[in-house]
Amino acid sequence: MEITNIKIKKFATEGKMRAIASLTFDDCFAIHDVKVIENNDKVFVAMPNKRLKDGTFKDVAHPINAETRLAIENAVIEAYNNAEEE
């Protein structure tokens, strides 16, 4: 499976979230609302999630193995670093 497109929407905020990403895989499957978060001068990627009734969060889409997670994180962070702020 190959990431064929990444759209980044950067925004200036005082919070930790820096951008939202949409990923397309093999030109036929998309995942939206992937968050780019900066914490303690480190940028990381958080998968889309939903809040449960008990207040906790659960991912609605996520990689199954470490290799895929790393590939997604690297691609999103690279796209984020190359994107211009809106």
PDB file of N, CA and C in Angstrom:
ATOM      1  N   MET A   1       0.850  -1.170   0.000  1.00  0.00           N
ATOM      2  CA  MET A   1       0.000   0.000   0.000  1.00  0.00           C
ATOM      3  C   MET A   1       0.897   1.234   0.000  1.00  0.00           C
ATOM      4  N   GLU A   2       0.534   2.184  -0.824  1.00  0.00           N
ATOM      5  CA  GLU A   2       1.337   3.383  -0.995  1.00  0.00           C
ATOM      6  C   GLU A   2       0.503   4.618  -0.705  1.00  0.00           C
ATOM      7  N   ILE A   3       1.103   5.578  -0.008  1.00  0.00           N
ATOM      8  CA  ILE A   3       0.443   6.871   0.192  1.00  0.00           C
ATOM      9  C   ILE A   3       0.609   7.650  -1.099  1.00  0.00           C
ATOM     10  N   THR A   4      -0.510   7.948  -1.759  1.00  0.00           N
ATOM     11  CA  THR A   4      -0.442   8.619  -3.054  1.00  0.00           C
ATOM     12  C   THR A   4      -0.742  10.110  -2.967  1.00  0.00           C
ATOM     13  N   ASN A   5      -1.280  10.575  -1.838  1.00  0.00           N
ATOM     14  CA  ASN A   5      -1.537  11.998  -1.683  1.00  0.00           C
ATOM     15  C   ASN A   5      -1.664  12.328  -0.201  1.00  0.00           C
ATOM     16  N   ILE A   6      -1.141  13.483   0.170  1.00  0.00           N
ATOM     17  CA  ILE A   6      -1.321  14.007   1.527  1.00  0.00           C
ATOM     18  C   ILE A   6      -1.680  15.478   1.405  1.00  0.00           C
ATOM     19  N   LYS A   7      -2.792  15.854   2.026  1.00  0.00           N
ATOM     20  CA  LYS A   7      -3.189  17.256   2.089  1.00  0.00           C
ATOM     21  C   LYS A   7      -3.040  17.703   3.532  1.00  0.00           C
ATOM     22  N   ILE A   8      -2.364  18.826   3.713  1.00  0.00           N
ATOM     23  CA  ILE A   8      -2.110  19.373   5.039  1.00  0.00           C
ATOM     24  C   ILE A   8      -2.812  20.717   5.153  1.00  0.00           C
ATOM     25  N   LYS A   9      -3.526  20.899   6.241  1.00  0.00           N
ATOM     26  CA  LYS A   9      -4.106  22.206   6.542  1.00  0.00           C
ATOM     27  C   LYS A   9      -3.467  22.688   7.841  1.00  0.00           C
ATOM     28  N   LYS A  10      -2.489  23.589   7.694  1.00  0.00           N
ATOM     29  CA  LYS A  10      -1.800  24.159   8.855  1.00  0.00           C
ATOM     30  C   LYS A  10      -2.625  25.302   9.411  1.00  0.00           C
ATOM     31  N   PHE A  11      -2.508  25.502  10.704  1.00  0.00           N
ATOM     32  CA  PHE A  11      -3.133  26.671  11.297  1.00  0.00           C
ATOM     33  C   PHE A  11      -2.348  27.116  12.521  1.00  0.00           C
ATOM     34  N   ALA A  12      -2.362  28.433  12.724  1.00  0.00           N
ATOM     35  CA  ALA A  12      -1.669  29.011  13.876  1.00  0.00           C
ATOM     36  C   ALA A  12      -2.617  28.953  15.062  1.00  0.00           C
ATOM     37  N   THR A  13      -2.126  28.412  16.141  1.00  0.00           N
ATOM     38  CA  THR A  13      -2.936  28.293  17.338  1.00  0.00           C
ATOM     39  C   THR A  13      -2.031  28.308  18.560  1.00  0.00           C
ATOM     40  N   GLU A  14      -2.596  28.658  19.676  1.00  0.00           N
ATOM     41  CA  GLU A  14      -1.820  28.621  20.909  1.00  0.00           C
ATOM     42  C   GLU A  14      -1.789  27.220  21.503  1.00  0.00           C
ATOM     43  N   GLY A  15      -2.662  26.350  21.032  1.00  0.00           N
ATOM     44  CA  GLY A  15      -2.685  24.974  21.510  1.00  0.00           C
ATOM     45  C   GLY A  15      -1.580  24.149  20.889  1.00  0.00           C
ATOM     46  N   LYS A  16      -1.619  22.864  21.134  1.00  0.00           N
ATOM     47  CA  LYS A  16      -0.568  21.967  20.648  1.00  0.00           C
ATOM     48  C   LYS A  16      -0.806  21.469  19.227  1.00  0.00           C
ATOM     49  N   MET A  17      -2.059  21.470  18.771  1.00  0.00           N
ATOM     50  CA  MET A  17      -2.354  20.965  17.432  1.00  0.00           C
ATOM     51  C   MET A  17      -1.920  21.996  16.395  1.00  0.00           C
ATOM     52  N   ARG A  18      -1.131  21.561  15.428  1.00  0.00           N
ATOM     53  CA  ARG A  18      -0.568  22.456  14.410  1.00  0.00           C
ATOM     54  C   ARG A  18      -1.205  22.309  13.036  1.00  0.00           C
ATOM     55  N   ALA A  19      -1.783  21.123  12.757  1.00  0.00           N
ATOM     56  CA  ALA A  19      -2.348  20.900  11.424  1.00  0.00           C
ATOM     57  C   ALA A  19      -3.246  19.665  11.448  1.00  0.00           C
ATOM     58  N   ILE A  20      -4.052  19.571  10.387  1.00  0.00           N
ATOM     59  CA  ILE A  20      -4.874  18.394  10.124  1.00  0.00           C
ATOM     60  C   ILE A  20      -4.448  17.863   8.758  1.00  0.00           C
ATOM     61  N   ALA A  21      -4.328  16.550   8.645  1.00  0.00           N
ATOM     62  CA  ALA A  21      -3.915  15.932   7.382  1.00  0.00           C
ATOM     63  C   ALA A  21      -4.985  14.972   6.877  1.00  0.00           C
ATOM     64  N   SER A  22      -5.070  14.876   5.565  1.00  0.00           N
ATOM     65  CA  SER A  22      -5.876  13.854   4.895  1.00  0.00           C
ATOM     66  C   SER A  22      -4.927  13.044   4.030  1.00  0.00           C
ATOM     67  N   LEU A  23      -5.012  11.736   4.159  1.00  0.00           N
ATOM     68  CA  LEU A  23      -4.127  10.842   3.413  1.00  0.00           C
ATOM     69  C   LEU A  23      -4.936  10.020   2.431  1.00  0.00           C
ATOM     70  N   THR A  24      -4.383   9.813   1.239  1.00  0.00           N
ATOM     71  CA  THR A  24      -4.982   8.922   0.257  1.00  0.00           C
ATOM     72  C   THR A  24      -4.005   7.787  -0.001  1.00  0.00           C
ATOM     73  N   PHE A  25      -4.519   6.568   0.006  1.00  0.00           N
ATOM     74  CA  PHE A  25      -3.715   5.373  -0.234  1.00  0.00           C
ATOM     75  C   PHE A  25      -4.115   4.753  -1.567  1.00  0.00           C
ATOM     76  N   ASP A  26      -3.122   4.467  -2.402  1.00  0.00           N
ATOM     77  CA  ASP A  26      -3.327   3.808  -3.694  1.00  0.00           C
ATOM     78  C   ASP A  26      -4.407   4.482  -4.542  1.00  0.00           C
ATOM     79  N   ASP A  27      -4.546   5.787  -4.396  1.00  0.00           N
ATOM     80  CA  ASP A  27      -5.547   6.561  -5.149  1.00  0.00           C
ATOM     81  C   ASP A  27      -6.968   6.019  -4.993  1.00  0.00           C
ATOM     82  N   CYS A  28      -7.242   5.282  -3.882  1.00  0.00           N
ATOM     83  CA  CYS A  28      -8.580   4.703  -3.769  1.00  0.00           C
ATOM     84  C   CYS A  28      -9.126   4.635  -2.338  1.00  0.00           C
ATOM     85  N   PHE A  29      -8.345   5.036  -1.325  1.00  0.00           N
ATOM     86  CA  PHE A  29      -8.826   4.968   0.055  1.00  0.00           C
ATOM     87  C   PHE A  29      -8.273   6.173   0.808  1.00  0.00           C
ATOM     88  N   ALA A  30      -9.148   6.894   1.528  1.00  0.00           N
ATOM     89  CA  ALA A  30      -8.721   8.111   2.225  1.00  0.00           C
ATOM     90  C   ALA A  30      -8.965   8.010   3.722  1.00  0.00           C
ATOM     91  N   ILE A  31      -8.080   8.634   4.475  1.00  0.00           N
ATOM     92  CA  ILE A  31      -8.245   8.799   5.914  1.00  0.00           C
ATOM     93  C   ILE A  31      -8.117  10.289   6.196  1.00  0.00           C
ATOM     94  N   HIS A  32      -9.122  10.856   6.858  1.00  0.00           N
ATOM     95  CA  HIS A  32      -9.153  12.279   7.175  1.00  0.00           C
ATOM     96  C   HIS A  32      -8.938  12.491   8.669  1.00  0.00           C
ATOM     97  N   ASP A  33      -8.672  13.726   9.030  1.00  0.00           N
ATOM     98  CA  ASP A  33      -8.554  14.156  10.428  1.00  0.00           C
ATOM     99  C   ASP A  33      -7.381  13.532  11.175  1.00  0.00           C
ATOM    100  N   VAL A  34      -6.287  13.318  10.476  1.00  0.00           N
ATOM    101  CA  VAL A  34      -5.044  12.910  11.127  1.00  0.00           C
ATOM    102  C   VAL A  34      -4.433  14.192  11.685  1.00  0.00           C
ATOM    103  N   LYS A  35      -4.131  14.209  12.959  1.00  0.00           N
ATOM    104  CA  LYS A  35      -3.668  15.427  13.612  1.00  0.00           C
ATOM    105  C   LYS A  35      -2.141  15.483  13.670  1.00  0.00           C
ATOM    106  N   VAL A  36      -1.613  16.681  13.458  1.00  0.00           N
ATOM    107  CA  VAL A  36      -0.191  16.946  13.656  1.00  0.00           C
ATOM    108  C   VAL A  36      -0.095  17.786  14.922  1.00  0.00           C
ATOM    109  N   ILE A  37       0.604  17.264  15.918  1.00  0.00           N
ATOM    110  CA  ILE A  37       0.658  17.884  17.237  1.00  0.00           C
ATOM    111  C   ILE A  37       2.112  18.169  17.592  1.00  0.00           C
ATOM    112  N   GLU A  38       2.330  19.340  18.194  1.00  0.00           N
ATOM    113  CA  GLU A  38       3.664  19.687  18.671  1.00  0.00           C
ATOM    114  C   GLU A  38       3.628  19.742  20.188  1.00  0.00           C
ATOM    115  N   ASN A  39       4.538  19.018  20.811  1.00  0.00           N
ATOM    116  CA  ASN A  39       4.610  18.969  22.263  1.00  0.00           C
ATOM    117  C   ASN A  39       6.077  18.914  22.660  1.00  0.00           C
ATOM    118  N   ASN A  40       6.497  19.842  23.501  1.00  0.00           N
ATOM    119  CA  ASN A  40       7.897  19.894  23.940  1.00  0.00           C
ATOM    120  C   ASN A  40       8.865  19.910  22.763  1.00  0.00           C
ATOM    121  N   ASP A  41       8.575  20.744  21.766  1.00  0.00           N
ATOM    122  CA  ASP A  41       9.418  20.910  20.580  1.00  0.00           C
ATOM    123  C   ASP A  41       9.546  19.648  19.739  1.00  0.00           C
ATOM    124  N   LYS A  42       8.634  18.708  19.906  1.00  0.00           N
ATOM    125  CA  LYS A  42       8.615  17.501  19.089  1.00  0.00           C
ATOM    126  C   LYS A  42       7.272  17.434  18.353  1.00  0.00           C
ATOM    127  N   VAL A  43       7.321  17.134  17.070  1.00  0.00           N
ATOM    128  CA  VAL A  43       6.109  17.007  16.267  1.00  0.00           C
ATOM    129  C   VAL A  43       5.765  15.529  16.149  1.00  0.00           C
ATOM    130  N   PHE A  44       4.492  15.192  16.390  1.00  0.00           N
ATOM    131  CA  PHE A  44       4.076  13.812  16.203  1.00  0.00           C
ATOM    132  C   PHE A  44       2.694  13.767  15.572  1.00  0.00           C
ATOM    133  N   VAL A  45       2.292  12.574  15.170  1.00  0.00           N
ATOM    134  CA  VAL A  45       1.046  12.360  14.434  1.00  0.00           C
ATOM    135  C   VAL A  45       0.087  11.567  15.309  1.00  0.00           C
ATOM    136  N   ALA A  46      -1.173  12.011  15.340  1.00  0.00           N
ATOM    137  CA  ALA A  46      -2.218  11.299  16.076  1.00  0.00           C
ATOM    138  C   ALA A  46      -3.306  10.884  15.088  1.00  0.00           C
ATOM    139  N   MET A  47      -3.685   9.640  15.147  1.00  0.00           N
ATOM    140  CA  MET A  47      -4.707   9.109  14.244  1.00  0.00           C
ATOM    141  C   MET A  47      -6.086   9.673  14.596  1.00  0.00           C
ATOM    142  N   PRO A  48      -7.020   9.650  13.639  1.00  0.00           N
ATOM    143  CA  PRO A  48      -8.369  10.145  13.916  1.00  0.00           C
ATOM    144  C   PRO A  48      -9.012   9.330  15.039  1.00  0.00           C
ATOM    145  N   ASN A  49      -9.750  10.016  15.894  1.00  0.00           N
ATOM    146  CA  ASN A  49     -10.371   9.315  17.018  1.00  0.00           C
ATOM    147  C   ASN A  49     -11.739   9.892  17.335  1.00  0.00           C
ATOM    148  N   LYS A  50     -12.432   9.228  18.239  1.00  0.00           N
ATOM    149  CA  LYS A  50     -13.720   9.733  18.714  1.00  0.00           C
ATOM    150  C   LYS A  50     -13.741   9.612  20.230  1.00  0.00           C
ATOM    151  N   ARG A  51     -14.505  10.501  20.855  1.00  0.00           N
ATOM    152  CA  ARG A  51     -14.636  10.482  22.307  1.00  0.00           C
ATOM    153  C   ARG A  51     -15.761   9.519  22.676  1.00  0.00           C
ATOM    154  N   LEU A  52     -15.464   8.633  23.609  1.00  0.00           N
ATOM    155  CA  LEU A  52     -16.463   7.690  24.099  1.00  0.00           C
ATOM    156  C   LEU A  52     -17.278   8.313  25.233  1.00  0.00           C
ATOM    157  N   LYS A  53     -18.366   7.679  25.592  1.00  0.00           N
ATOM    158  CA  LYS A  53     -19.237   8.214  26.638  1.00  0.00           C
ATOM    159  C   LYS A  53     -18.515   8.403  27.962  1.00  0.00           C
ATOM    160  N   ASP A  54     -17.500   7.586  28.232  1.00  0.00           N
ATOM    161  CA  ASP A  54     -16.773   7.707  29.499  1.00  0.00           C
ATOM    162  C   ASP A  54     -15.676   8.776  29.448  1.00  0.00           C
ATOM    163  N   GLY A  55     -15.579   9.518  28.327  1.00  0.00           N
ATOM    164  CA  GLY A  55     -14.610  10.599  28.213  1.00  0.00           C
ATOM    165  C   GLY A  55     -13.278  10.206  27.622  1.00  0.00           C
ATOM    166  N   THR A  56     -13.041   8.928  27.417  1.00  0.00           N
ATOM    167  CA  THR A  56     -11.799   8.478  26.807  1.00  0.00           C
ATOM    168  C   THR A  56     -11.906   8.573  25.287  1.00  0.00           C
ATOM    169  N   PHE A  57     -10.784   8.423  24.618  1.00  0.00           N
ATOM    170  CA  PHE A  57     -10.757   8.487  23.163  1.00  0.00           C
ATOM    171  C   PHE A  57     -10.359   7.136  22.593  1.00  0.00           C
ATOM    172  N   LYS A  58     -10.908   6.827  21.415  1.00  0.00           N
ATOM    173  CA  LYS A  58     -10.587   5.586  20.721  1.00  0.00           C
ATOM    174  C   LYS A  58     -10.304   5.913  19.259  1.00  0.00           C
ATOM    175  N   ASP A  59      -9.174   5.404  18.745  1.00  0.00           N
ATOM    176  CA  ASP A  59      -8.845   5.613  17.333  1.00  0.00           C
ATOM    177  C   ASP A  59      -9.905   4.964  16.456  1.00  0.00           C
ATOM    178  N   VAL A  60     -10.288   5.656  15.386  1.00  0.00           N
ATOM    179  CA  VAL A  60     -11.237   5.082  14.428  1.00  0.00           C
ATOM    180  C   VAL A  60     -10.515   4.511  13.214  1.00  0.00           C
ATOM    181  N   ALA A  61      -9.255   4.881  13.045  1.00  0.00           N
ATOM    182  CA  ALA A  61      -8.406   4.314  11.993  1.00  0.00           C
ATOM    183  C   ALA A  61      -6.977   4.371  12.502  1.00  0.00           C
ATOM    184  N   HIS A  62      -6.247   3.287  12.303  1.00  0.00           N
ATOM    185  CA  HIS A  62      -4.864   3.269  12.772  1.00  0.00           C
ATOM    186  C   HIS A  62      -4.086   2.154  12.089  1.00  0.00           C
ATOM    187  N   PRO A  63      -2.760   2.313  11.998  1.00  0.00           N
ATOM    188  CA  PRO A  63      -1.926   1.262  11.421  1.00  0.00           C
ATOM    189  C   PRO A  63      -1.884   0.051  12.352  1.00  0.00           C
ATOM    190  N   ILE A  64      -1.728  -1.113  11.783  1.00  0.00           N
ATOM    191  CA  ILE A  64      -1.701  -2.356  12.554  1.00  0.00           C
ATOM    192  C   ILE A  64      -0.283  -2.709  13.005  1.00  0.00           C
ATOM    193  N   ASN A  65       0.725  -2.248  12.271  1.00  0.00           N
ATOM    194  CA  ASN A  65       2.091  -2.607  12.663  1.00  0.00           C
ATOM    195  C   ASN A  65       2.991  -1.374  12.717  1.00  0.00           C
ATOM    196  N   ALA A  66       4.122  -1.526  13.376  1.00  0.00           N
ATOM    197  CA  ALA A  66       5.053  -0.414  13.599  1.00  0.00           C
ATOM    198  C   ALA A  66       5.631   0.126  12.297  1.00  0.00           C
ATOM    199  N   GLU A  67       5.877  -0.747  11.328  1.00  0.00           N
ATOM    200  CA  GLU A  67       6.446  -0.311  10.047  1.00  0.00           C
ATOM    201  C   GLU A  67       5.494   0.643   9.322  1.00  0.00           C
ATOM    202  N   THR A  68       4.214   0.303   9.291  1.00  0.00           N
ATOM    203  CA  THR A  68       3.230   1.153   8.626  1.00  0.00           C
ATOM    204  C   THR A  68       3.047   2.459   9.386  1.00  0.00           C
ATOM    205  N   ARG A  69       3.009   2.378  10.718  1.00  0.00           N
ATOM    206  CA  ARG A  69       2.881   3.595  11.535  1.00  0.00           C
ATOM    207  C   ARG A  69       4.040   4.546  11.251  1.00  0.00           C
ATOM    208  N   LEU A  70       5.253   4.036  11.212  1.00  0.00           N
ATOM    209  CA  LEU A  70       6.428   4.866  10.966  1.00  0.00           C
ATOM    210  C   LEU A  70       6.370   5.491   9.570  1.00  0.00           C
ATOM    211  N   ALA A  71       5.948   4.721   8.575  1.00  0.00           N
ATOM    212  CA  ALA A  71       5.853   5.248   7.207  1.00  0.00           C
ATOM    213  C   ALA A  71       4.835   6.389   7.142  1.00  0.00           C
ATOM    214  N   ILE A  72       3.689   6.213   7.798  1.00  0.00           N
ATOM    215  CA  ILE A  72       2.660   7.260   7.810  1.00  0.00           C
ATOM    216  C   ILE A  72       3.176   8.486   8.552  1.00  0.00           C
ATOM    217  N   GLU A  73       3.738   8.287   9.735  1.00  0.00           N
ATOM    218  CA  GLU A  73       4.253   9.417  10.522  1.00  0.00           C
ATOM    219  C   GLU A  73       5.301  10.199   9.738  1.00  0.00           C
ATOM    220  N   ASN A  74       6.249   9.506   9.136  1.00  0.00           N
ATOM    221  CA  ASN A  74       7.304  10.187   8.372  1.00  0.00           C
ATOM    222  C   ASN A  74       6.738  10.968   7.194  1.00  0.00           C
ATOM    223  N   ALA A  75       5.796  10.382   6.477  1.00  0.00           N
ATOM    224  CA  ALA A  75       5.210  11.050   5.314  1.00  0.00           C
ATOM    225  C   ALA A  75       4.404  12.284   5.732  1.00  0.00           C
ATOM    226  N   VAL A  76       3.622  12.167   6.800  1.00  0.00           N
ATOM    227  CA  VAL A  76       2.804  13.295   7.262  1.00  0.00           C
ATOM    228  C   VAL A  76       3.702  14.412   7.791  1.00  0.00           C
ATOM    229  N   ILE A  77       4.705  14.085   8.579  1.00  0.00           N
ATOM    230  CA  ILE A  77       5.592  15.114   9.121  1.00  0.00           C
ATOM    231  C   ILE A  77       6.376  15.807   8.012  1.00  0.00           C
ATOM    232  N   GLU A  78       6.810  15.053   7.013  1.00  0.00           N
ATOM    233  CA  GLU A  78       7.497  15.674   5.877  1.00  0.00           C
ATOM    234  C   GLU A  78       6.565  16.620   5.131  1.00  0.00           C
ATOM    235  N   ALA A  79       5.327  16.190   4.879  1.00  0.00           N
ATOM    236  CA  ALA A  79       4.358  17.044   4.195  1.00  0.00           C
ATOM    237  C   ALA A  79       4.048  18.285   5.039  1.00  0.00           C
ATOM    238  N   TYR A  80       3.938  18.108   6.346  1.00  0.00           N
ATOM    239  CA  TYR A  80       3.695  19.234   7.249  1.00  0.00           C
ATOM    240  C   TYR A  80       4.850  20.230   7.186  1.00  0.00           C
ATOM    241  N   ASN A  81       6.072  19.746   7.224  1.00  0.00           N
ATOM    242  CA  ASN A  81       7.241  20.645   7.185  1.00  0.00           C
ATOM    243  C   ASN A  81       7.341  21.395   5.868  1.00  0.00           C
ATOM    244  N   ASN A  82       6.805  20.824   4.784  1.00  0.00           N
ATOM    245  CA  ASN A  82       6.873  21.457   3.471  1.00  0.00           C
ATOM    246  C   ASN A  82       5.638  22.304   3.148  1.00  0.00           C
ATOM    247  N   ALA A  83       4.605  22.218   3.967  1.00  0.00           N
ATOM    248  CA  ALA A  83       3.353  22.944   3.707  1.00  0.00           C
ATOM    249  C   ALA A  83       3.475  24.398   4.171  1.00  0.00           C
ATOM    250  N   GLU A  84       2.760  25.251   3.480  1.00  0.00           N
ATOM    251  CA  GLU A  84       2.705  26.652   3.883  1.00  0.00           C
ATOM    252  C   GLU A  84       1.503  26.877   4.772  1.00  0.00           C
ATOM    253  N   GLU A  85       1.640  27.778   5.724  1.00  0.00           N
ATOM    254  CA  GLU A  85       0.544  28.082   6.644  1.00  0.00           C
ATOM    255  C   GLU A  85      -0.535  28.868   5.906  1.00  0.00           C
ATOM    256  N   GLU A  86      -1.789  28.525   6.190  1.00  0.00           N
ATOM    257  CA  GLU A  86      -2.900  29.223   5.535  1.00  0.00           C
ATOM    258  C   GLU A  86      -3.294  30.462   6.299  1.00  0.00           C
TER     259      GLU A  86
END
